[in-house]
Each structure stands twice: as C-alpha cells, then as structure tokens.
Amino acid sequence: MIKWHRDDGVVVGTLEPERVAWLRSRLAEFHALLDWRLSQYTTDYPLGEVLGIALPTEPTDHPPLQAVLRMHVPDSEPAEVRLWWEPELIGGLRAAVADAWRNLPTEGGVVRLADDPQRLRAWTRVLLSLRIAYLATWVPEALSAPLPEDAPADQRRRYDRACWLRAVVDTLGEFTGLGASRG
C-alpha cells in the first residue's frame, strides 16, 4: 500500500518498510552504475583539451545504461549528439539519485520529500530511470511488452518490483498533480 499526504510543507509517503529497504539498495547500485559510466569519460578527443569537457568516446554497450539513456535522449539523435549530452544527463541523474537515497529512511517506511515541484520531479525521474535500468537488468523482455502470466516466479517477483516503482511514481504524481513522465 502506498499513501501520500502533506504535513507542514512536506510530502509524506507511507510505504512498506521492506520495499523502502529494497529501494535504498537499488538506488545505491544505480548510483554505482552511474559512477562507473562517469569514470569512462575522457578529454582525449579532438578539442578535448581545449574544451576541457570530459565526454564518453563511444556509446555504452551496457544494456541498463542503454535503456536509461534511450529514455532521455532518443535514438533518432545522431550518436555525436547523444554522446555530447550524456555527461549532463548522467551527472544530473547521479545527483538526483544521491538526493533520493538521502530522503529514504534507514528504517521504517515513511518517506519525507520537500513539497517543491522541481525536487518532486527529480525524485520521479530517478524512480522511472531506476525502473528502466532494473527491468533491463532483470526482466529485459518486459521493456517491450507486459510479462506473461505464466512467467517463472523469480521473474514475476522482479517484474512486480518494477511495477511497484511505477506505482510509487504514479501515486505521487496523482497526489501532487505533477503527473508522471515516460518510463
């Protein structure tokens, strides 16, 4: 059960404690994945030293990162454009992941978020991006179609976790009136 209410300028969510613990772990893993990708950036390209901007030299071949990047920067953009925008996207997402992780309790299931539209949108963006990365890692076939009812139990459990992430985003969006974005 996911419930939201406002309390003195704070949006308060009541979630199952075990789900919050699971989310904290996944956010820590997601943060590490983003750090790993940032560590691959370099200024070793034409104009790199002049511009002083570290960029990826080639698109990632890591399926979770591919899926997250595709969510934010369409494949229809030329590869050079996607590579140019990637550091800003990954860096911003990394900061938002760290902020989301700090807002989760270490015990219990009560989440307290500043009632600020920009911060709430960032939190939503993080959860949607995490959901896509999680599906790409554990249930990739569910990125293109719902999981069949006769799917194996472990796959069903992972898919249900991804659906729960979507439910957190949807219920928060409905409560705040901000809605949800893609993912």
Protein backbone atom coordinates (compact mmCIF):
# COMPACT_ATOMS: atom_id res chain seq x y z
CA MET A 1 0.00 0.00 0.00
CA ILE A 2 1.28 3.44 -0.97
CA LYS A 3 -0.23 6.51 0.67
CA TRP A 4 0.77 10.18 0.36
CA HIS A 5 -0.20 13.25 2.39
CA ARG A 6 1.12 16.72 3.12
CA ASP A 7 2.42 17.81 6.50
CA ASP A 8 3.72 21.36 7.01
CA GLY A 9 5.40 21.82 3.60
CA VAL A 10 6.49 18.21 3.29
CA VAL A 11 5.06 15.45 1.11
CA VAL A 12 4.97 12.32 3.26
CA GLY A 13 4.73 8.86 1.75
CA THR A 14 3.91 5.72 3.68
CA LEU A 15 5.39 2.64 2.02
CA GLU A 16 6.10 -0.89 3.17
CA PRO A 17 9.40 -0.85 5.14
CA GLU A 18 10.82 -3.84 3.25
CA ARG A 19 10.13 -2.07 -0.05
CA VAL A 20 11.92 1.06 1.16
CA ALA A 21 14.92 -1.08 2.18
CA TRP A 22 14.86 -2.71 -1.26
CA LEU A 23 14.68 0.73 -2.91
CA ARG A 24 17.64 2.03 -0.88
CA SER A 25 19.73 -0.93 -2.06
CA ARG A 26 18.73 -0.48 -5.71
CA LEU A 27 19.44 3.26 -5.58
CA ALA A 28 22.93 2.57 -4.18
CA GLU A 29 23.55 0.12 -7.04
CA PHE A 30 22.21 2.60 -9.58
CA HIS A 31 24.48 5.33 -8.18
CA ALA A 32 27.47 2.98 -8.53
CA LEU A 33 26.48 2.23 -12.13
CA LEU A 34 26.34 5.95 -12.94
CA ASP A 35 29.73 6.48 -11.24
CA TRP A 36 31.18 3.66 -13.32
CA ARG A 37 29.96 5.31 -16.53
CA LEU A 38 31.26 8.74 -15.48
CA SER A 39 34.69 7.18 -14.85
CA GLN A 40 34.84 6.23 -18.54
CA TYR A 41 34.68 9.84 -19.76
CA THR A 42 37.81 11.45 -21.12
CA THR A 43 39.14 14.65 -22.68
CA ASP A 44 41.20 12.52 -25.11
CA TYR A 45 39.37 13.55 -28.28
CA PRO A 46 39.78 16.36 -30.81
CA LEU A 47 39.23 19.66 -28.97
CA GLY A 48 39.01 17.81 -25.64
CA GLU A 49 41.92 19.65 -24.10
CA VAL A 50 40.66 22.98 -25.42
CA LEU A 51 37.09 22.49 -24.25
CA GLY A 52 38.07 20.76 -21.03
CA ILE A 53 34.88 18.71 -21.10
CA ALA A 54 35.17 15.01 -20.38
CA LEU A 55 32.95 13.02 -22.74
CA PRO A 56 32.32 9.36 -23.48
CA THR A 57 34.31 8.25 -26.51
CA GLU A 58 31.66 5.78 -27.64
CA PRO A 59 28.10 4.80 -26.70
CA THR A 60 27.77 2.39 -23.81
CA ASP A 61 27.21 -1.28 -24.55
CA HIS A 62 25.77 -1.88 -21.07
CA PRO A 63 22.03 -2.72 -21.52
CA PRO A 64 20.73 -0.94 -18.37
CA LEU A 65 22.57 2.27 -19.27
CA GLN A 66 21.48 1.98 -22.90
CA ALA A 67 17.85 1.72 -21.78
CA VAL A 68 18.12 4.68 -19.41
CA LEU A 69 19.87 6.85 -21.98
CA ARG A 70 17.29 5.89 -24.62
CA MET A 71 14.58 7.03 -22.20
CA HIS A 72 16.08 10.53 -22.00
CA VAL A 73 17.80 11.01 -25.39
CA PRO A 74 16.04 9.45 -28.39
CA ASP A 75 17.91 7.05 -30.67
CA SER A 76 16.86 9.30 -33.55
CA GLU A 77 19.51 11.80 -32.46
CA PRO A 78 22.95 11.32 -34.08
CA ALA A 79 25.46 9.40 -31.95
CA GLU A 80 27.62 12.51 -31.53
CA VAL A 81 24.67 14.44 -30.08
CA ARG A 82 23.83 11.61 -27.67
CA LEU A 83 27.47 11.43 -26.54
CA TRP A 84 27.62 15.21 -26.10
CA TRP A 85 24.52 15.31 -23.88
CA GLU A 86 25.26 12.15 -21.93
CA PRO A 87 27.57 13.66 -19.25
CA GLU A 88 24.99 16.30 -18.32
CA LEU A 89 22.25 13.69 -18.19
CA ILE A 90 24.28 11.12 -16.21
CA GLY A 91 25.72 13.76 -13.87
CA GLY A 92 22.29 15.25 -13.15
CA LEU A 93 20.76 11.83 -12.67
CA ARG A 94 23.61 10.82 -10.35
CA ALA A 95 23.00 13.89 -8.16
CA ALA A 96 19.25 13.21 -8.13
CA VAL A 97 19.86 9.55 -7.19
CA ALA A 98 22.03 10.64 -4.25
CA ASP A 99 19.31 13.06 -3.14
CA ALA A 100 16.59 10.39 -3.44
CA TRP A 101 18.71 7.93 -1.44
CA ARG A 102 19.22 10.53 1.32
CA ASN A 103 15.44 11.04 1.51
CA LEU A 104 14.75 7.38 2.21
CA PRO A 105 14.65 6.29 5.83
CA THR A 106 17.17 3.71 7.00
CA GLU A 107 14.37 2.07 8.98
CA GLY A 108 10.62 2.05 8.51
CA GLY A 109 8.58 3.09 5.52
CA VAL A 110 7.89 6.81 5.93
CA VAL A 111 9.42 8.91 3.15
CA ARG A 112 9.57 12.70 3.59
CA LEU A 113 10.06 14.86 0.48
CA ALA A 114 10.23 18.65 0.24
CA ASP A 115 7.00 19.92 -1.31
CA ASP A 116 8.90 21.54 -4.15
CA PRO A 117 7.81 20.71 -7.74
CA GLN A 118 11.40 20.63 -9.04
CA ARG A 119 12.58 18.22 -6.34
CA LEU A 120 9.47 16.06 -6.69
CA ARG A 121 10.01 15.84 -10.46
CA ALA A 122 13.65 14.88 -9.88
CA TRP A 123 12.59 12.14 -7.47
CA THR A 124 10.08 10.87 -10.05
CA ARG A 125 12.74 10.96 -12.78
CA VAL A 126 15.10 8.92 -10.61
CA LEU A 127 12.49 6.24 -9.89
CA LEU A 128 11.48 5.97 -13.53
CA SER A 129 15.13 5.73 -14.63
CA LEU A 130 15.83 3.15 -11.92
CA ARG A 131 12.79 1.17 -13.07
CA ILE A 132 14.08 1.07 -16.65
CA ALA A 133 17.59 0.06 -15.56
CA TYR A 134 16.16 -2.61 -13.24
CA LEU A 135 13.96 -4.06 -15.99
CA ALA A 136 16.85 -4.01 -18.48
CA THR A 137 18.95 -5.96 -15.97
CA TRP A 138 16.48 -8.46 -14.56
CA VAL A 139 13.44 -8.68 -16.87
CA PRO A 140 14.55 -7.23 -20.25
CA GLU A 141 11.66 -8.79 -22.17
CA ALA A 142 9.26 -6.66 -20.09
CA LEU A 143 10.70 -3.46 -21.60
CA SER A 144 8.70 -4.07 -24.78
CA ALA A 145 5.63 -5.96 -23.52
CA PRO A 146 3.94 -6.97 -20.25
CA LEU A 147 5.29 -10.11 -18.65
CA PRO A 148 3.19 -13.21 -19.44
CA GLU A 149 1.10 -14.57 -16.58
CA ASP A 150 2.93 -17.92 -16.76
CA ALA A 151 6.38 -16.35 -16.27
CA PRO A 152 8.66 -18.08 -13.74
CA ALA A 153 8.18 -17.00 -10.12
CA ASP A 154 11.57 -15.25 -9.78
CA GLN A 155 10.94 -13.30 -12.97
CA ARG A 156 7.42 -12.42 -11.81
CA ARG A 157 8.79 -11.15 -8.45
CA ARG A 158 11.30 -8.89 -10.24
CA TYR A 159 8.61 -7.64 -12.61
CA ASP A 160 6.33 -6.91 -9.65
CA ARG A 161 9.11 -4.79 -8.09
CA ALA A 162 9.35 -2.74 -11.29
CA CYS A 163 5.55 -2.35 -11.28
CA TRP A 164 5.76 -1.17 -7.66
CA LEU A 165 8.29 1.52 -8.66
CA ARG A 166 5.84 2.68 -11.33
CA ALA A 167 3.02 2.69 -8.75
CA VAL A 168 5.08 4.89 -6.39
CA VAL A 169 5.65 7.37 -9.24
CA ASP A 170 2.02 7.27 -10.38
CA THR A 171 0.53 7.72 -6.93
CA LEU A 172 2.95 10.56 -6.13
CA GLY A 173 2.11 12.21 -9.45
CA GLU A 174 -1.61 11.89 -8.84
CA PHE A 175 -1.29 13.23 -5.30
CA THR A 176 0.88 16.23 -6.19
CA GLY A 177 -0.79 16.94 -9.54
CA LEU A 178 2.60 16.78 -11.27
CA GLY A 179 1.84 13.58 -13.19
CA ALA A 180 4.45 11.12 -14.36
CA SER A 181 6.69 11.11 -17.36
CA ARG A 182 7.90 8.30 -19.60
CA GLY A 183 9.18 5.04 -18.21
